[in-house]
Amino acid sequence: MSSPFQPGMSRELTVDSTQEDSARRFYPNLPDVFATPCLGGLMERVSAELINEHLNPGEQSVGVSMNLKHTAATPLGMRIRVRTEVTAVEGRKLTFKLEAFDDVEKIGEATHERFIIVADKFNARVAEKAKKA
C-alpha cells in the first residue's frame, strides 16, 4: 500500500497575531511579544492541516517531537506566516521542516514529527490510562 504522503508536500498558514498570543499569558515578567509556545502551536497546526487533507476516515495525527528555534521577536498585531514541508515519510511517521516569518523577517524554524493514528484505538488507550489515575 503506497502512502499519500511524499517529501516535498507543503502548506502555508498566515495569521494575524493578537494580544492572546503574548508571552505574558505564560508568565507576567515576559515581554509583550508573540510567544514561543504560540509559534510552536502554529507550526503544529499547519503540519496537522497538511496531513489532515490526506487521512483515511477514522485517522488523526499526533505530534511526537519538535525542535524549535525562535530567532526574532514579533510585535503583537503583526502577521505571521508559517510554511511546512514534508521531508521524510517512514510508515506512519512524517517529518517536517518549518519556517516562520513576520512582516519584516524570518522569526523561527523547526523540525517536527507527527505520527498518524487510528483515533478509536488511540482514544481507547487514553481512556484506559485515565481509569488508572
C-alpha atoms as a PDB file:
ATOM      1  CA  MET A   1       0.000   0.000   0.000  1.00  0.00           C
ATOM      2  CA  SER A   2       1.518   3.326  -1.025  1.00  0.00           C
ATOM      3  CA  SER A   3       1.384   6.390   1.166  1.00  0.00           C
ATOM      4  CA  PRO A   4      -0.373   9.558   0.013  1.00  0.00           C
ATOM      5  CA  PHE A   5       2.482  11.474   1.676  1.00  0.00           C
ATOM      6  CA  GLN A   6       5.648  12.347  -0.208  1.00  0.00           C
ATOM      7  CA  PRO A   7       8.671  14.505   0.606  1.00  0.00           C
ATOM      8  CA  GLY A   8       8.183  17.964  -0.855  1.00  0.00           C
ATOM      9  CA  MET A   9       4.494  18.279   0.021  1.00  0.00           C
ATOM     10  CA  SER A  10       3.961  21.696   1.617  1.00  0.00           C
ATOM     11  CA  ARG A  11       1.407  24.043   3.100  1.00  0.00           C
ATOM     12  CA  GLU A  12       1.367  27.616   4.428  1.00  0.00           C
ATOM     13  CA  LEU A  13      -0.666  29.284   7.135  1.00  0.00           C
ATOM     14  CA  THR A  14      -0.949  33.036   7.716  1.00  0.00           C
ATOM     15  CA  VAL A  15      -2.495  34.580  10.818  1.00  0.00           C
ATOM     16  CA  ASP A  16      -2.537  37.976  12.498  1.00  0.00           C
ATOM     17  CA  SER A  17      -1.044  37.878  15.979  1.00  0.00           C
ATOM     18  CA  THR A  18      -3.216  39.232  18.791  1.00  0.00           C
ATOM     19  CA  GLN A  19      -2.915  40.060  22.470  1.00  0.00           C
ATOM     20  CA  GLU A  20      -3.910  36.442  23.169  1.00  0.00           C
ATOM     21  CA  ASP A  21      -0.553  35.414  21.620  1.00  0.00           C
ATOM     22  CA  SER A  22       1.522  37.421  24.112  1.00  0.00           C
ATOM     23  CA  ALA A  23       4.344  35.759  26.029  1.00  0.00           C
ATOM     24  CA  ARG A  24       2.870  37.449  29.125  1.00  0.00           C
ATOM     25  CA  ARG A  25      -0.009  34.958  29.039  1.00  0.00           C
ATOM     26  CA  PHE A  26       2.509  32.332  30.134  1.00  0.00           C
ATOM     27  CA  TYR A  27       4.375  34.424  32.731  1.00  0.00           C
ATOM     28  CA  PRO A  28       3.835  38.100  33.691  1.00  0.00           C
ATOM     29  CA  ASN A  29       7.521  39.079  33.637  1.00  0.00           C
ATOM     30  CA  LEU A  30       7.985  38.295  29.940  1.00  0.00           C
ATOM     31  CA  PRO A  31       7.994  40.762  27.042  1.00  0.00           C
ATOM     32  CA  ASP A  32       4.661  41.629  25.460  1.00  0.00           C
ATOM     33  CA  VAL A  33       5.571  39.998  22.109  1.00  0.00           C
ATOM     34  CA  PHE A  34       4.497  36.950  20.110  1.00  0.00           C
ATOM     35  CA  ALA A  35       5.139  33.928  22.357  1.00  0.00           C
ATOM     36  CA  THR A  36       7.294  30.927  21.522  1.00  0.00           C
ATOM     37  CA  PRO A  37       4.529  28.461  22.557  1.00  0.00           C
ATOM     38  CA  CYS A  38       2.188  30.200  20.102  1.00  0.00           C
ATOM     39  CA  LEU A  39       4.773  29.851  17.338  1.00  0.00           C
ATOM     40  CA  GLY A  40       5.098  26.143  18.125  1.00  0.00           C
ATOM     41  CA  GLY A  41       1.324  25.815  18.071  1.00  0.00           C
ATOM     42  CA  LEU A  42       1.099  27.386  14.619  1.00  0.00           C
ATOM     43  CA  MET A  43       3.821  25.055  13.390  1.00  0.00           C
ATOM     44  CA  GLU A  44       1.943  22.054  14.731  1.00  0.00           C
ATOM     45  CA  ARG A  45      -1.328  23.338  13.268  1.00  0.00           C
ATOM     46  CA  VAL A  46      -0.067  23.868   9.706  1.00  0.00           C
ATOM     47  CA  SER A  47       1.595  20.439   9.691  1.00  0.00           C
ATOM     48  CA  ALA A  48      -1.564  18.762  11.021  1.00  0.00           C
ATOM     49  CA  GLU A  49      -3.637  20.596   8.402  1.00  0.00           C
ATOM     50  CA  LEU A  50      -1.401  19.261   5.629  1.00  0.00           C
ATOM     51  CA  ILE A  51      -1.751  15.701   6.938  1.00  0.00           C
ATOM     52  CA  ASN A  52      -5.479  16.002   7.524  1.00  0.00           C
ATOM     53  CA  GLU A  53      -6.165  16.590   3.829  1.00  0.00           C
ATOM     54  CA  HIS A  54      -4.935  13.051   3.074  1.00  0.00           C
ATOM     55  CA  LEU A  55      -6.103  10.936   6.032  1.00  0.00           C
ATOM     56  CA  ASN A  56      -8.449   7.993   5.744  1.00  0.00           C
ATOM     57  CA  PRO A  57     -11.703   8.106   7.735  1.00  0.00           C
ATOM     58  CA  GLY A  58     -11.017   7.414  11.415  1.00  0.00           C
ATOM     59  CA  GLU A  59      -7.392   8.575  11.260  1.00  0.00           C
ATOM     60  CA  GLN A  60      -5.844  11.559  13.022  1.00  0.00           C
ATOM     61  CA  SER A  61      -2.292  12.690  13.708  1.00  0.00           C
ATOM     62  CA  VAL A  62      -0.376  13.435  16.891  1.00  0.00           C
ATOM     63  CA  GLY A  63       2.817  15.383  17.369  1.00  0.00           C
ATOM     64  CA  VAL A  64       5.723  13.366  18.736  1.00  0.00           C
ATOM     65  CA  SER A  65       8.597  15.872  18.624  1.00  0.00           C
ATOM     66  CA  MET A  66       9.507  19.448  17.770  1.00  0.00           C
ATOM     67  CA  ASN A  67      12.913  21.119  17.710  1.00  0.00           C
ATOM     68  CA  LEU A  68      12.036  24.820  17.551  1.00  0.00           C
ATOM     69  CA  LYS A  69      14.288  27.869  17.273  1.00  0.00           C
ATOM     70  CA  HIS A  70      12.515  31.197  17.864  1.00  0.00           C
ATOM     71  CA  THR A  71      15.063  33.616  16.415  1.00  0.00           C
ATOM     72  CA  ALA A  72      13.376  37.045  16.363  1.00  0.00           C
ATOM     73  CA  ALA A  73      10.738  38.914  18.363  1.00  0.00           C
ATOM     74  CA  THR A  74       7.461  39.897  16.703  1.00  0.00           C
ATOM     75  CA  PRO A  75       5.331  42.830  17.897  1.00  0.00           C
ATOM     76  CA  LEU A  76       1.722  41.864  18.563  1.00  0.00           C
ATOM     77  CA  GLY A  77      -0.616  42.731  15.717  1.00  0.00           C
ATOM     78  CA  MET A  78       1.899  41.712  13.072  1.00  0.00           C
ATOM     79  CA  ARG A  79       1.082  38.989  10.561  1.00  0.00           C
ATOM     80  CA  ILE A  80       2.771  35.584  10.995  1.00  0.00           C
ATOM     81  CA  ARG A  81       3.335  33.222   8.047  1.00  0.00           C
ATOM     82  CA  VAL A  82       4.368  29.616   8.684  1.00  0.00           C
ATOM     83  CA  ARG A  83       5.415  27.164   5.977  1.00  0.00           C
ATOM     84  CA  THR A  84       5.731  23.421   6.488  1.00  0.00           C
ATOM     85  CA  GLU A  85       7.250  20.859   4.152  1.00  0.00           C
ATOM     86  CA  VAL A  86       7.347  17.069   4.434  1.00  0.00           C
ATOM     87  CA  THR A  87      10.991  15.963   4.434  1.00  0.00           C
ATOM     88  CA  ALA A  88      10.613  12.270   5.273  1.00  0.00           C
ATOM     89  CA  VAL A  89       7.930   9.583   5.364  1.00  0.00           C
ATOM     90  CA  GLU A  90       8.617   6.450   7.420  1.00  0.00           C
ATOM     91  CA  GLY A  91       5.445   4.386   7.560  1.00  0.00           C
ATOM     92  CA  ARG A  92       3.037   6.354   9.755  1.00  0.00           C
ATOM     93  CA  LYS A  93       5.699   8.869  10.906  1.00  0.00           C
ATOM     94  CA  LEU A  94       6.123  12.099   8.942  1.00  0.00           C
ATOM     95  CA  THR A  95       8.938  14.605   9.420  1.00  0.00           C
ATOM     96  CA  PHE A  96       8.525  18.285   8.575  1.00  0.00           C
ATOM     97  CA  LYS A  97      10.817  21.271   8.071  1.00  0.00           C
ATOM     98  CA  LEU A  98       9.179  24.543   9.095  1.00  0.00           C
ATOM     99  CA  GLU A  99       9.976  28.219   8.723  1.00  0.00           C
ATOM    100  CA  ALA A 100       8.106  31.214  10.144  1.00  0.00           C
ATOM    101  CA  PHE A 101       8.149  34.858   9.120  1.00  0.00           C
ATOM    102  CA  ASP A 102       6.573  38.072  10.338  1.00  0.00           C
ATOM    103  CA  ASP A 103       6.034  41.162   8.186  1.00  0.00           C
ATOM    104  CA  VAL A 104       9.735  42.051   8.435  1.00  0.00           C
ATOM    105  CA  GLU A 105      11.904  38.940   8.781  1.00  0.00           C
ATOM    106  CA  LYS A 106      12.291  35.239   9.448  1.00  0.00           C
ATOM    107  CA  ILE A 107      11.365  34.604  13.088  1.00  0.00           C
ATOM    108  CA  GLY A 108      11.821  30.883  13.525  1.00  0.00           C
ATOM    109  CA  GLU A 109      12.440  27.417  12.199  1.00  0.00           C
ATOM    110  CA  ALA A 110      11.777  23.898  13.379  1.00  0.00           C
ATOM    111  CA  THR A 111      11.799  20.235  12.602  1.00  0.00           C
ATOM    112  CA  HIS A 112       8.644  18.439  13.645  1.00  0.00           C
ATOM    113  CA  GLU A 113       7.498  14.818  13.652  1.00  0.00           C
ATOM    114  CA  ARG A 114       3.904  13.634  13.573  1.00  0.00           C
ATOM    115  CA  PHE A 115       2.501  10.128  13.727  1.00  0.00           C
ATOM    116  CA  ILE A 116      -0.713   9.019  12.015  1.00  0.00           C
ATOM    117  CA  ILE A 117      -3.011   7.204  14.439  1.00  0.00           C
ATOM    118  CA  VAL A 118      -6.281   5.295  14.323  1.00  0.00           C
ATOM    119  CA  ALA A 119      -8.448   7.524  16.503  1.00  0.00           C
ATOM    120  CA  ASP A 120     -10.606   4.782  18.096  1.00  0.00           C
ATOM    121  CA  LYS A 121      -7.591   2.739  19.202  1.00  0.00           C
ATOM    122  CA  PHE A 122      -5.765   5.814  20.480  1.00  0.00           C
ATOM    123  CA  ASN A 123      -8.800   7.086  22.413  1.00  0.00           C
ATOM    124  CA  ALA A 124      -9.359   3.650  23.955  1.00  0.00           C
ATOM    125  CA  ARG A 125      -5.761   3.613  25.253  1.00  0.00           C
ATOM    126  CA  VAL A 126      -6.170   7.118  26.683  1.00  0.00           C
ATOM    127  CA  ALA A 127      -9.432   6.107  28.402  1.00  0.00           C
ATOM    128  CA  GLU A 128      -7.730   3.061  29.949  1.00  0.00           C
ATOM    129  CA  LYS A 129      -4.914   5.264  31.225  1.00  0.00           C
ATOM    130  CA  ALA A 130      -7.424   7.713  32.723  1.00  0.00           C
ATOM    131  CA  LYS A 131      -9.040   4.868  34.665  1.00  0.00           C
ATOM    132  CA  LYS A 132      -5.684   4.164  36.339  1.00  0.00           C
ATOM    133  CA  ALA A 133      -5.374   7.715  37.691  1.00  0.00           C
END
